[in-house]
Amino acid sequence: MHDVVILVIKALAGGTLVVVFALISQGLEPKRFAGLFSAAPAVALAGLTVTLLDKGAHDAHQSSAGMIAGAAAMAVYATAVIPLLRRARPGVAAIAALGVWTAAAAVVAVPLLAG
């Protein structure tokens, strides 16, 4: 029963936050950012809320550190993949940039999780 309650809370929190972020994103330009700003932050906040309530602050800290590391690494990936795409085939460039993403995520995550 506990798992069902957690699932319902995640669904309600996620859905509510998607709507809130979608309403906020309606004021932004260009409109192509609306999906990005409605889905990703809402799902992250809903997941963190449920983790905090269900498992406590330590697990929520670990989840948020992972999210921060992943976001920072994604920015590094995007920066690295553009020049790689100019020099190599898309599959090769994506795999090479994935290595960059992994290294960047580790550099950010290790200090955050060590504390």
N, C-alpha and C. Protein backbone atom coordinates (compact mmCIF):
# COMPACT_ATOMS: atom_id res chain seq x y z
N MET A 1 0.83 -1.21 0.00
CA MET A 1 0.00 0.00 0.00
C MET A 1 0.86 1.25 0.00
N HIS A 2 1.98 1.22 0.71
CA HIS A 2 2.87 2.37 0.80
C HIS A 2 3.35 2.80 -0.58
N ASP A 3 3.70 1.86 -1.43
CA ASP A 3 4.18 2.19 -2.78
C ASP A 3 3.10 2.86 -3.62
N VAL A 4 1.86 2.45 -3.44
CA VAL A 4 0.75 3.06 -4.18
C VAL A 4 0.55 4.51 -3.75
N VAL A 5 0.65 4.77 -2.46
CA VAL A 5 0.49 6.13 -1.95
C VAL A 5 1.60 7.03 -2.50
N ILE A 6 2.83 6.53 -2.50
CA ILE A 6 3.96 7.30 -3.04
C ILE A 6 3.75 7.57 -4.51
N LEU A 7 3.28 6.59 -5.25
CA LEU A 7 3.01 6.77 -6.68
C LEU A 7 1.94 7.83 -6.92
N VAL A 8 0.89 7.82 -6.12
CA VAL A 8 -0.17 8.82 -6.26
C VAL A 8 0.36 10.22 -5.93
N ILE A 9 1.17 10.32 -4.88
CA ILE A 9 1.75 11.63 -4.51
C ILE A 9 2.65 12.13 -5.62
N LYS A 10 3.47 11.25 -6.19
CA LYS A 10 4.35 11.65 -7.30
C LYS A 10 3.53 12.15 -8.48
N ALA A 11 2.46 11.43 -8.81
CA ALA A 11 1.63 11.82 -9.95
C ALA A 11 0.97 13.17 -9.72
N LEU A 12 0.42 13.36 -8.54
CA LEU A 12 -0.24 14.64 -8.23
C LEU A 12 0.75 15.79 -8.18
N ALA A 13 1.88 15.58 -7.52
CA ALA A 13 2.89 16.64 -7.43
C ALA A 13 3.46 16.95 -8.81
N GLY A 14 3.79 15.93 -9.56
CA GLY A 14 4.35 16.14 -10.90
C GLY A 14 3.37 16.84 -11.81
N GLY A 15 2.13 16.38 -11.82
CA GLY A 15 1.11 17.01 -12.68
C GLY A 15 0.85 18.45 -12.31
N THR A 16 0.75 18.72 -11.02
CA THR A 16 0.52 20.09 -10.56
C THR A 16 1.68 20.99 -10.94
N LEU A 17 2.89 20.52 -10.72
CA LEU A 17 4.05 21.35 -11.04
C LEU A 17 4.25 21.53 -12.55
N VAL A 18 3.89 20.54 -13.35
CA VAL A 18 3.95 20.71 -14.81
C VAL A 18 3.01 21.83 -15.23
N VAL A 19 1.80 21.85 -14.66
CA VAL A 19 0.85 22.90 -15.00
C VAL A 19 1.38 24.27 -14.56
N VAL A 20 1.93 24.35 -13.35
CA VAL A 20 2.46 25.63 -12.85
C VAL A 20 3.59 26.14 -13.75
N PHE A 21 4.54 25.26 -14.07
CA PHE A 21 5.65 25.68 -14.92
C PHE A 21 5.18 25.98 -16.35
N ALA A 22 4.17 25.28 -16.84
CA ALA A 22 3.64 25.57 -18.16
C ALA A 22 3.00 26.96 -18.19
N LEU A 23 2.30 27.31 -17.13
CA LEU A 23 1.71 28.65 -17.05
C LEU A 23 2.79 29.73 -17.00
N ILE A 24 3.84 29.48 -16.24
CA ILE A 24 4.95 30.43 -16.17
C ILE A 24 5.61 30.57 -17.53
N SER A 25 5.81 29.45 -18.22
CA SER A 25 6.52 29.48 -19.50
C SER A 25 5.71 30.16 -20.60
N GLN A 26 4.42 30.32 -20.41
CA GLN A 26 3.60 31.00 -21.42
C GLN A 26 4.04 32.45 -21.60
N GLY A 27 4.64 33.01 -20.58
CA GLY A 27 5.11 34.39 -20.66
C GLY A 27 6.50 34.52 -21.27
N LEU A 28 7.16 33.41 -21.54
CA LEU A 28 8.52 33.44 -22.07
C LEU A 28 8.54 33.44 -23.60
N GLU A 29 9.56 34.00 -24.14
CA GLU A 29 9.80 33.96 -25.59
C GLU A 29 11.17 33.36 -25.82
N PRO A 30 11.42 32.58 -26.80
CA PRO A 30 10.49 32.00 -27.77
C PRO A 30 9.69 30.86 -27.15
N LYS A 31 8.59 30.54 -27.76
CA LYS A 31 7.66 29.54 -27.23
C LYS A 31 8.25 28.13 -27.26
N ARG A 32 9.28 27.88 -28.04
CA ARG A 32 9.84 26.53 -28.11
C ARG A 32 10.47 26.11 -26.78
N PHE A 33 10.71 27.05 -25.87
CA PHE A 33 11.24 26.72 -24.56
C PHE A 33 10.15 26.28 -23.58
N ALA A 34 8.90 26.41 -23.96
CA ALA A 34 7.81 26.11 -23.04
C ALA A 34 7.86 24.67 -22.54
N GLY A 35 8.10 23.71 -23.40
CA GLY A 35 8.16 22.31 -22.98
C GLY A 35 9.31 22.05 -22.04
N LEU A 36 10.45 22.63 -22.34
CA LEU A 36 11.64 22.44 -21.50
C LEU A 36 11.39 22.98 -20.10
N PHE A 37 10.80 24.17 -20.02
CA PHE A 37 10.60 24.79 -18.73
C PHE A 37 9.39 24.24 -17.98
N SER A 38 8.53 23.50 -18.65
CA SER A 38 7.40 22.94 -17.93
C SER A 38 7.68 21.53 -17.43
N ALA A 39 8.38 20.73 -18.19
CA ALA A 39 8.55 19.33 -17.81
C ALA A 39 9.72 19.11 -16.85
N ALA A 40 10.91 19.50 -17.23
CA ALA A 40 12.10 19.15 -16.45
C ALA A 40 12.08 19.68 -15.02
N PRO A 41 11.84 20.97 -14.79
CA PRO A 41 11.83 21.44 -13.40
C PRO A 41 10.70 20.83 -12.58
N ALA A 42 9.57 20.62 -13.20
CA ALA A 42 8.43 20.07 -12.48
C ALA A 42 8.70 18.64 -12.03
N VAL A 43 9.23 17.83 -12.90
CA VAL A 43 9.53 16.45 -12.55
C VAL A 43 10.62 16.40 -11.48
N ALA A 44 11.63 17.24 -11.61
CA ALA A 44 12.71 17.27 -10.62
C ALA A 44 12.18 17.69 -9.25
N LEU A 45 11.39 18.74 -9.20
CA LEU A 45 10.86 19.19 -7.91
C LEU A 45 9.90 18.18 -7.31
N ALA A 46 9.07 17.56 -8.14
CA ALA A 46 8.15 16.55 -7.62
C ALA A 46 8.92 15.36 -7.06
N GLY A 47 9.94 14.93 -7.79
CA GLY A 47 10.75 13.81 -7.31
C GLY A 47 11.46 14.14 -6.02
N LEU A 48 12.02 15.34 -5.94
CA LEU A 48 12.70 15.74 -4.70
C LEU A 48 11.74 15.85 -3.52
N THR A 49 10.56 16.36 -3.78
CA THR A 49 9.55 16.49 -2.72
C THR A 49 9.18 15.13 -2.16
N VAL A 50 8.90 14.20 -3.06
CA VAL A 50 8.53 12.86 -2.61
C VAL A 50 9.69 12.17 -1.90
N THR A 51 10.89 12.33 -2.43
CA THR A 51 12.07 11.73 -1.80
C THR A 51 12.27 12.30 -0.40
N LEU A 52 12.13 13.60 -0.27
CA LEU A 52 12.29 14.25 1.04
C LEU A 52 11.25 13.73 2.03
N LEU A 53 10.01 13.64 1.60
CA LEU A 53 8.94 13.20 2.50
C LEU A 53 9.04 11.71 2.83
N ASP A 54 9.46 10.91 1.85
CA ASP A 54 9.46 9.46 2.03
C ASP A 54 10.76 8.94 2.64
N LYS A 55 11.90 9.48 2.19
CA LYS A 55 13.18 8.89 2.58
C LYS A 55 14.06 9.81 3.42
N GLY A 56 13.73 11.09 3.48
CA GLY A 56 14.48 12.00 4.33
C GLY A 56 15.45 12.90 3.60
N ALA A 57 16.07 13.76 4.38
CA ALA A 57 16.93 14.81 3.83
C ALA A 57 18.20 14.26 3.18
N HIS A 58 18.76 13.18 3.73
CA HIS A 58 20.00 12.64 3.16
C HIS A 58 19.78 12.15 1.73
N ASP A 59 18.72 11.38 1.51
CA ASP A 59 18.44 10.90 0.16
C ASP A 59 18.06 12.04 -0.78
N ALA A 60 17.34 13.04 -0.27
CA ALA A 60 17.00 14.21 -1.10
C ALA A 60 18.26 14.97 -1.48
N HIS A 61 19.21 15.07 -0.56
CA HIS A 61 20.49 15.73 -0.86
C HIS A 61 21.22 14.99 -1.96
N GLN A 62 21.27 13.67 -1.88
CA GLN A 62 21.94 12.89 -2.91
C GLN A 62 21.26 13.04 -4.27
N SER A 63 19.94 13.04 -4.26
CA SER A 63 19.21 13.22 -5.52
C SER A 63 19.46 14.60 -6.12
N SER A 64 19.43 15.62 -5.29
CA SER A 64 19.65 16.97 -5.80
C SER A 64 21.09 17.15 -6.29
N ALA A 65 22.05 16.54 -5.61
CA ALA A 65 23.44 16.61 -6.07
C ALA A 65 23.57 15.94 -7.44
N GLY A 66 22.90 14.83 -7.62
CA GLY A 66 22.91 14.17 -8.93
C GLY A 66 22.28 15.02 -10.01
N MET A 67 21.21 15.70 -9.68
CA MET A 67 20.56 16.59 -10.65
C MET A 67 21.46 17.76 -11.03
N ILE A 68 22.12 18.33 -10.05
CA ILE A 68 23.04 19.44 -10.32
C ILE A 68 24.19 18.98 -11.19
N ALA A 69 24.77 17.83 -10.86
CA ALA A 69 25.88 17.29 -11.65
C ALA A 69 25.43 16.98 -13.07
N GLY A 70 24.26 16.39 -13.22
CA GLY A 70 23.74 16.07 -14.55
C GLY A 70 23.47 17.31 -15.38
N ALA A 71 22.93 18.33 -14.77
CA ALA A 71 22.64 19.58 -15.50
C ALA A 71 23.93 20.27 -15.93
N ALA A 72 24.89 20.35 -15.02
CA ALA A 72 26.17 20.97 -15.38
C ALA A 72 26.86 20.18 -16.48
N ALA A 73 26.84 18.87 -16.37
CA ALA A 73 27.47 18.02 -17.38
C ALA A 73 26.76 18.14 -18.73
N MET A 74 25.46 18.34 -18.71
CA MET A 74 24.72 18.50 -19.97
C MET A 74 25.15 19.78 -20.68
N ALA A 75 25.40 20.84 -19.93
CA ALA A 75 25.88 22.08 -20.53
C ALA A 75 27.27 21.86 -21.15
N VAL A 76 28.12 21.12 -20.44
CA VAL A 76 29.45 20.81 -20.98
C VAL A 76 29.33 19.94 -22.22
N TYR A 77 28.44 18.96 -22.18
CA TYR A 77 28.19 18.08 -23.33
C TYR A 77 27.78 18.90 -24.56
N ALA A 78 26.82 19.80 -24.36
CA ALA A 78 26.34 20.62 -25.48
C ALA A 78 27.45 21.49 -26.06
N THR A 79 28.30 22.00 -25.19
CA THR A 79 29.42 22.81 -25.63
C THR A 79 30.44 21.97 -26.40
N ALA A 80 30.66 20.74 -25.96
CA ALA A 80 31.66 19.87 -26.59
C ALA A 80 31.17 19.24 -27.88
N VAL A 81 29.89 18.93 -27.96
CA VAL A 81 29.40 18.17 -29.11
C VAL A 81 29.36 19.00 -30.39
N ILE A 82 29.19 20.30 -30.28
CA ILE A 82 29.10 21.14 -31.48
C ILE A 82 30.39 21.09 -32.29
N PRO A 83 31.56 21.35 -31.71
CA PRO A 83 32.77 21.23 -32.52
C PRO A 83 33.05 19.79 -32.96
N LEU A 84 32.67 18.82 -32.14
CA LEU A 84 32.87 17.43 -32.53
C LEU A 84 32.02 17.06 -33.75
N LEU A 85 30.82 17.60 -33.82
CA LEU A 85 29.95 17.33 -34.98
C LEU A 85 30.52 17.91 -36.27
N ARG A 86 31.30 18.95 -36.15
CA ARG A 86 31.92 19.55 -37.34
C ARG A 86 33.08 18.71 -37.86
N ARG A 87 33.63 17.86 -37.00
CA ARG A 87 34.81 17.08 -37.36
C ARG A 87 34.54 15.60 -37.58
N ALA A 88 33.44 15.08 -37.03
CA ALA A 88 33.20 13.63 -37.08
C ALA A 88 31.73 13.35 -37.40
N ARG A 89 31.46 12.08 -37.69
CA ARG A 89 30.08 11.66 -37.93
C ARG A 89 29.27 11.83 -36.65
N PRO A 90 27.97 11.98 -36.78
CA PRO A 90 27.14 12.24 -35.58
C PRO A 90 27.27 11.17 -34.49
N GLY A 91 27.29 9.91 -34.86
CA GLY A 91 27.41 8.86 -33.84
C GLY A 91 28.72 8.92 -33.09
N VAL A 92 29.79 9.14 -33.81
CA VAL A 92 31.12 9.25 -33.19
C VAL A 92 31.18 10.48 -32.28
N ALA A 93 30.65 11.59 -32.78
CA ALA A 93 30.66 12.83 -31.99
C ALA A 93 29.84 12.68 -30.71
N ALA A 94 28.68 12.03 -30.82
CA ALA A 94 27.83 11.84 -29.65
C ALA A 94 28.50 10.96 -28.61
N ILE A 95 29.14 9.89 -29.05
CA ILE A 95 29.82 9.00 -28.11
C ILE A 95 31.01 9.70 -27.46
N ALA A 96 31.77 10.44 -28.24
CA ALA A 96 32.90 11.18 -27.68
C ALA A 96 32.42 12.22 -26.66
N ALA A 97 31.36 12.93 -27.00
CA ALA A 97 30.83 13.94 -26.08
C ALA A 97 30.22 13.30 -24.83
N LEU A 98 29.74 12.07 -24.96
CA LEU A 98 29.23 11.36 -23.79
C LEU A 98 30.34 11.11 -22.78
N GLY A 99 31.54 10.84 -23.29
CA GLY A 99 32.69 10.72 -22.39
C GLY A 99 32.97 12.03 -21.66
N VAL A 100 32.82 13.13 -22.38
CA VAL A 100 32.99 14.46 -21.77
C VAL A 100 31.91 14.67 -20.71
N TRP A 101 30.67 14.27 -21.01
CA TRP A 101 29.58 14.40 -20.06
C TRP A 101 29.88 13.60 -18.79
N THR A 102 30.35 12.39 -18.95
CA THR A 102 30.64 11.53 -17.80
C THR A 102 31.72 12.15 -16.91
N ALA A 103 32.76 12.64 -17.54
CA ALA A 103 33.84 13.27 -16.77
C ALA A 103 33.35 14.52 -16.05
N ALA A 104 32.59 15.35 -16.74
CA ALA A 104 32.07 16.57 -16.12
C ALA A 104 31.12 16.25 -14.97
N ALA A 105 30.26 15.26 -15.15
CA ALA A 105 29.34 14.88 -14.08
C ALA A 105 30.11 14.39 -12.85
N ALA A 106 31.17 13.62 -13.08
CA ALA A 106 31.97 13.12 -11.96
C ALA A 106 32.66 14.26 -11.23
N VAL A 107 33.19 15.21 -11.99
CA VAL A 107 33.90 16.35 -11.38
C VAL A 107 32.95 17.15 -10.49
N VAL A 108 31.70 17.30 -10.91
CA VAL A 108 30.74 18.06 -10.12
C VAL A 108 30.16 17.22 -8.99
N ALA A 109 29.84 15.98 -9.25
CA ALA A 109 29.13 15.14 -8.27
C ALA A 109 30.01 14.72 -7.10
N VAL A 110 31.25 14.39 -7.35
CA VAL A 110 32.10 13.87 -6.28
C VAL A 110 32.21 14.84 -5.10
N PRO A 111 32.52 16.11 -5.33
CA PRO A 111 32.58 17.03 -4.16
C PRO A 111 31.20 17.23 -3.48
N LEU A 112 30.13 17.23 -4.27
CA LEU A 112 28.81 17.43 -3.69
C LEU A 112 28.39 16.25 -2.81
N LEU A 113 28.75 15.06 -3.23
CA LEU A 113 28.35 13.88 -2.50
C LEU A 113 29.31 13.51 -1.36
N ALA A 114 30.50 14.08 -1.40
CA ALA A 114 31.49 13.77 -0.37
C ALA A 114 31.14 14.43 0.97
N GLY A 115 30.41 15.55 0.89
CA GLY A 115 30.12 16.30 2.11
C GLY A 115 29.05 15.78 2.95
